[in-house]
Each structure stands twice: as C-alpha cells, then as structure tokens.
Amino acid sequence: MAKRVHQPREDAEFDFILGMSEVPVLAYFTGTWPKAIEPCRVMDLVVGGIADDWTGRLTAVRADITRCPAATERYGITGAPSYVLLKKGEAVAHGTGPTTITELRKLLDDHL
C-alpha cells in the first residue's frame, strides 16, 4: 500500500485526519471478512496509486469498518470496499465495490 494512505486505528483518529486535511479526503472502507478481503486488496492498489499521483490534491484514508464504526455509520457504508469523497467533512461522491483507477480518477475529476 502507498505510504501516503493514512490508516486510522479508531474513529477518533479518522476524525482527526479528516479535521486536519486542508484538501478533500478520499476515504475508503475495508473489511476483513472472507468475501471482502480480495476486493479490498484491489482497492488498496487503486487508492494507493491515486494517493501517490495526487499528492497535495487529496488526502487518502483507509478505514477498517470494524475499527471505525462511527465513521462507517456516518457515511452510510453498508459493504466493503466502499469509498466516499469528502469536502470539509461532507460527502460529495461515493461508490461501493472495487473499481478501476481510471473510473475513480473520473469520479474525482468531476468533483475536484
């Protein structure tokens, strides 16, 4: 995974990262149950590539659903992987399931 992807250990750390970011936040939510592991690994690569390419344009956060339950609920996350683009804490775009780097870049371009 890219070094520029933050991995909060709990909701308080997630909220701290969100509050400190001066740029939009791409938060993606992962799970550790068997059916989620492989799709989440795909998203690790996709989001890692985005984080590396878009340094300074966005902050990437990888949140485990079981470790960040309040954030998961706040943004209506119902499965993993899911992702939400946040501007000043407000969701402006979201998606569920693995996606390609091209599709995710298009979504981001539409909102950044």
C-alpha atoms as a PDB file:
ATOM      1  CA  MET A   1       0.000   0.000   0.000  1.00  0.00           C
ATOM      2  CA  ALA A   2       1.110   3.537  -0.693  1.00  0.00           C
ATOM      3  CA  LYS A   3       2.824   5.369   2.122  1.00  0.00           C
ATOM      4  CA  ARG A   4       0.524   8.335   1.574  1.00  0.00           C
ATOM      5  CA  VAL A   5      -2.613   6.418   2.600  1.00  0.00           C
ATOM      6  CA  HIS A   6      -3.499   7.036   6.243  1.00  0.00           C
ATOM      7  CA  GLN A   7      -4.768   4.057   8.230  1.00  0.00           C
ATOM      8  CA  PRO A   8      -6.597   5.204  11.369  1.00  0.00           C
ATOM      9  CA  ARG A   9      -6.864   2.688  14.196  1.00  0.00           C
ATOM     10  CA  GLU A  10     -10.144   4.114  15.528  1.00  0.00           C
ATOM     11  CA  ASP A  11     -12.862   6.694  14.890  1.00  0.00           C
ATOM     12  CA  ALA A  12     -11.076   9.436  16.841  1.00  0.00           C
ATOM     13  CA  GLU A  13      -8.015   9.104  14.627  1.00  0.00           C
ATOM     14  CA  PHE A  14     -10.206   9.050  11.497  1.00  0.00           C
ATOM     15  CA  ASP A  15     -11.887  12.277  12.633  1.00  0.00           C
ATOM     16  CA  PHE A  16      -8.516  13.852  13.461  1.00  0.00           C
ATOM     17  CA  ILE A  17      -7.173  13.130   9.958  1.00  0.00           C
ATOM     18  CA  LEU A  18     -10.378  14.457   8.429  1.00  0.00           C
ATOM     19  CA  GLY A  19     -10.207  17.641  10.505  1.00  0.00           C
ATOM     20  CA  MET A  20      -6.535  18.292   9.742  1.00  0.00           C
ATOM     21  CA  SER A  21      -6.795  17.846   5.984  1.00  0.00           C
ATOM     22  CA  GLU A  22      -6.733  21.076   4.012  1.00  0.00           C
ATOM     23  CA  VAL A  23      -7.711  19.221   0.841  1.00  0.00           C
ATOM     24  CA  PRO A  24     -10.611  16.842   0.060  1.00  0.00           C
ATOM     25  CA  VAL A  25     -10.422  13.383   1.626  1.00  0.00           C
ATOM     26  CA  LEU A  26     -10.886  10.121  -0.244  1.00  0.00           C
ATOM     27  CA  ALA A  27     -11.973   7.712   2.489  1.00  0.00           C
ATOM     28  CA  TYR A  28     -12.293   4.089   1.572  1.00  0.00           C
ATOM     29  CA  PHE A  29     -13.691   1.497   3.889  1.00  0.00           C
ATOM     30  CA  THR A  30     -12.421  -2.056   4.039  1.00  0.00           C
ATOM     31  CA  GLY A  31     -13.447  -5.263   5.743  1.00  0.00           C
ATOM     32  CA  THR A  32     -11.664  -8.340   6.982  1.00  0.00           C
ATOM     33  CA  TRP A  33     -14.334 -10.983   6.417  1.00  0.00           C
ATOM     34  CA  PRO A  34     -13.523 -13.582   3.722  1.00  0.00           C
ATOM     35  CA  LYS A  35     -15.641 -12.178   0.865  1.00  0.00           C
ATOM     36  CA  ALA A  36     -14.274  -8.656   1.381  1.00  0.00           C
ATOM     37  CA  ILE A  37     -10.553  -9.380   1.542  1.00  0.00           C
ATOM     38  CA  GLU A  38      -9.753  -9.712  -2.172  1.00  0.00           C
ATOM     39  CA  PRO A  39     -11.899  -6.772  -3.401  1.00  0.00           C
ATOM     40  CA  CYS A  40     -10.376  -4.616  -0.651  1.00  0.00           C
ATOM     41  CA  ARG A  41      -6.867  -5.558  -1.798  1.00  0.00           C
ATOM     42  CA  VAL A  42      -7.795  -4.371  -5.283  1.00  0.00           C
ATOM     43  CA  MET A  43      -8.912  -1.047  -3.825  1.00  0.00           C
ATOM     44  CA  ASP A  44      -5.666  -0.789  -1.835  1.00  0.00           C
ATOM     45  CA  LEU A  45      -3.802  -0.712  -5.150  1.00  0.00           C
ATOM     46  CA  VAL A  46      -6.230   1.692  -6.819  1.00  0.00           C
ATOM     47  CA  VAL A  47      -6.349   4.181  -3.950  1.00  0.00           C
ATOM     48  CA  GLY A  48      -2.610   3.839  -3.363  1.00  0.00           C
ATOM     49  CA  GLY A  49      -1.980   4.837  -6.966  1.00  0.00           C
ATOM     50  CA  ILE A  50      -4.333   7.807  -6.681  1.00  0.00           C
ATOM     51  CA  ALA A  51      -2.711   8.923  -3.397  1.00  0.00           C
ATOM     52  CA  ASP A  52       0.752   8.789  -4.945  1.00  0.00           C
ATOM     53  CA  ASP A  53      -0.283  10.623  -8.118  1.00  0.00           C
ATOM     54  CA  TRP A  54      -2.453  13.256  -6.426  1.00  0.00           C
ATOM     55  CA  THR A  55      -0.229  14.279  -3.543  1.00  0.00           C
ATOM     56  CA  GLY A  56      -1.341  17.705  -2.377  1.00  0.00           C
ATOM     57  CA  ARG A  57      -4.716  17.450  -4.144  1.00  0.00           C
ATOM     58  CA  LEU A  58      -6.333  14.993  -1.746  1.00  0.00           C
ATOM     59  CA  THR A  59      -5.795  13.001   1.415  1.00  0.00           C
ATOM     60  CA  ALA A  60      -6.407   9.247   1.218  1.00  0.00           C
ATOM     61  CA  VAL A  61      -7.666   7.337   4.262  1.00  0.00           C
ATOM     62  CA  ARG A  62      -8.139   3.563   4.539  1.00  0.00           C
ATOM     63  CA  ALA A  63     -10.645   2.859   7.322  1.00  0.00           C
ATOM     64  CA  ASP A  64     -11.424  -0.634   8.580  1.00  0.00           C
ATOM     65  CA  ILE A  65     -15.178  -0.921   9.146  1.00  0.00           C
ATOM     66  CA  THR A  66     -14.737  -2.726  12.471  1.00  0.00           C
ATOM     67  CA  ARG A  67     -12.232  -0.187  13.803  1.00  0.00           C
ATOM     68  CA  CYS A  68     -14.142   2.918  12.680  1.00  0.00           C
ATOM     69  CA  PRO A  69     -17.803   2.040  13.249  1.00  0.00           C
ATOM     70  CA  ALA A  70     -18.981   5.632  13.826  1.00  0.00           C
ATOM     71  CA  ALA A  71     -17.441   6.841  10.549  1.00  0.00           C
ATOM     72  CA  THR A  72     -18.896   3.796   8.801  1.00  0.00           C
ATOM     73  CA  GLU A  73     -22.361   4.675  10.065  1.00  0.00           C
ATOM     74  CA  ARG A  74     -21.989   8.424   9.491  1.00  0.00           C
ATOM     75  CA  TYR A  75     -21.306   7.924   5.780  1.00  0.00           C
ATOM     76  CA  GLY A  76     -23.852   5.142   5.249  1.00  0.00           C
ATOM     77  CA  ILE A  77     -21.306   2.442   4.469  1.00  0.00           C
ATOM     78  CA  THR A  78     -23.023  -0.931   4.085  1.00  0.00           C
ATOM     79  CA  GLY A  79     -20.320  -3.043   2.447  1.00  0.00           C
ATOM     80  CA  ALA A  80     -16.651  -3.276   1.689  1.00  0.00           C
ATOM     81  CA  PRO A  81     -14.934  -1.933  -0.186  1.00  0.00           C
ATOM     82  CA  SER A  82     -16.755   1.384  -0.287  1.00  0.00           C
ATOM     83  CA  TYR A  83     -15.388   4.845  -0.859  1.00  0.00           C
ATOM     84  CA  VAL A  84     -16.508   8.389  -0.153  1.00  0.00           C
ATOM     85  CA  LEU A  85     -15.066  11.684  -1.359  1.00  0.00           C
ATOM     86  CA  LEU A  86     -15.363  14.244   1.427  1.00  0.00           C
ATOM     87  CA  LYS A  87     -15.058  18.005   1.168  1.00  0.00           C
ATOM     88  CA  LYS A  88     -14.943  19.687   4.564  1.00  0.00           C
ATOM     89  CA  GLY A  89     -16.440  16.529   6.074  1.00  0.00           C
ATOM     90  CA  GLU A  90     -19.398  16.414   3.681  1.00  0.00           C
ATOM     91  CA  ALA A  91     -19.809  13.522   1.249  1.00  0.00           C
ATOM     92  CA  VAL A  92     -19.863  14.744  -2.354  1.00  0.00           C
ATOM     93  CA  ALA A  93     -19.450  11.387  -4.118  1.00  0.00           C
ATOM     94  CA  HIS A  94     -19.419   7.725  -3.165  1.00  0.00           C
ATOM     95  CA  GLY A  95     -19.286   4.216  -4.521  1.00  0.00           C
ATOM     96  CA  THR A  96     -19.284   0.593  -3.453  1.00  0.00           C
ATOM     97  CA  GLY A  97     -17.260  -2.315  -4.727  1.00  0.00           C
ATOM     98  CA  PRO A  98     -13.889  -2.478  -6.395  1.00  0.00           C
ATOM     99  CA  THR A  99     -13.310  -0.039  -9.231  1.00  0.00           C
ATOM    100  CA  THR A 100     -10.522   0.762 -11.641  1.00  0.00           C
ATOM    101  CA  ILE A 101      -8.083   3.609 -11.229  1.00  0.00           C
ATOM    102  CA  THR A 102      -9.494   5.161 -14.415  1.00  0.00           C
ATOM    103  CA  GLU A 103     -13.070   5.126 -13.091  1.00  0.00           C
ATOM    104  CA  LEU A 104     -12.019   6.517  -9.717  1.00  0.00           C
ATOM    105  CA  ARG A 105      -9.980   9.289 -11.358  1.00  0.00           C
ATOM    106  CA  LYS A 106     -13.018  10.265 -13.407  1.00  0.00           C
ATOM    107  CA  LEU A 107     -15.159  10.465 -10.275  1.00  0.00           C
ATOM    108  CA  LEU A 108     -12.512  12.601  -8.573  1.00  0.00           C
ATOM    109  CA  ASP A 109     -12.043  14.839 -11.618  1.00  0.00           C
ATOM    110  CA  ASP A 110     -15.773  15.531 -11.609  1.00  0.00           C
ATOM    111  CA  HIS A 111     -15.552  16.831  -8.013  1.00  0.00           C
ATOM    112  CA  LEU A 112     -12.062  18.302  -7.586  1.00  0.00           C
END
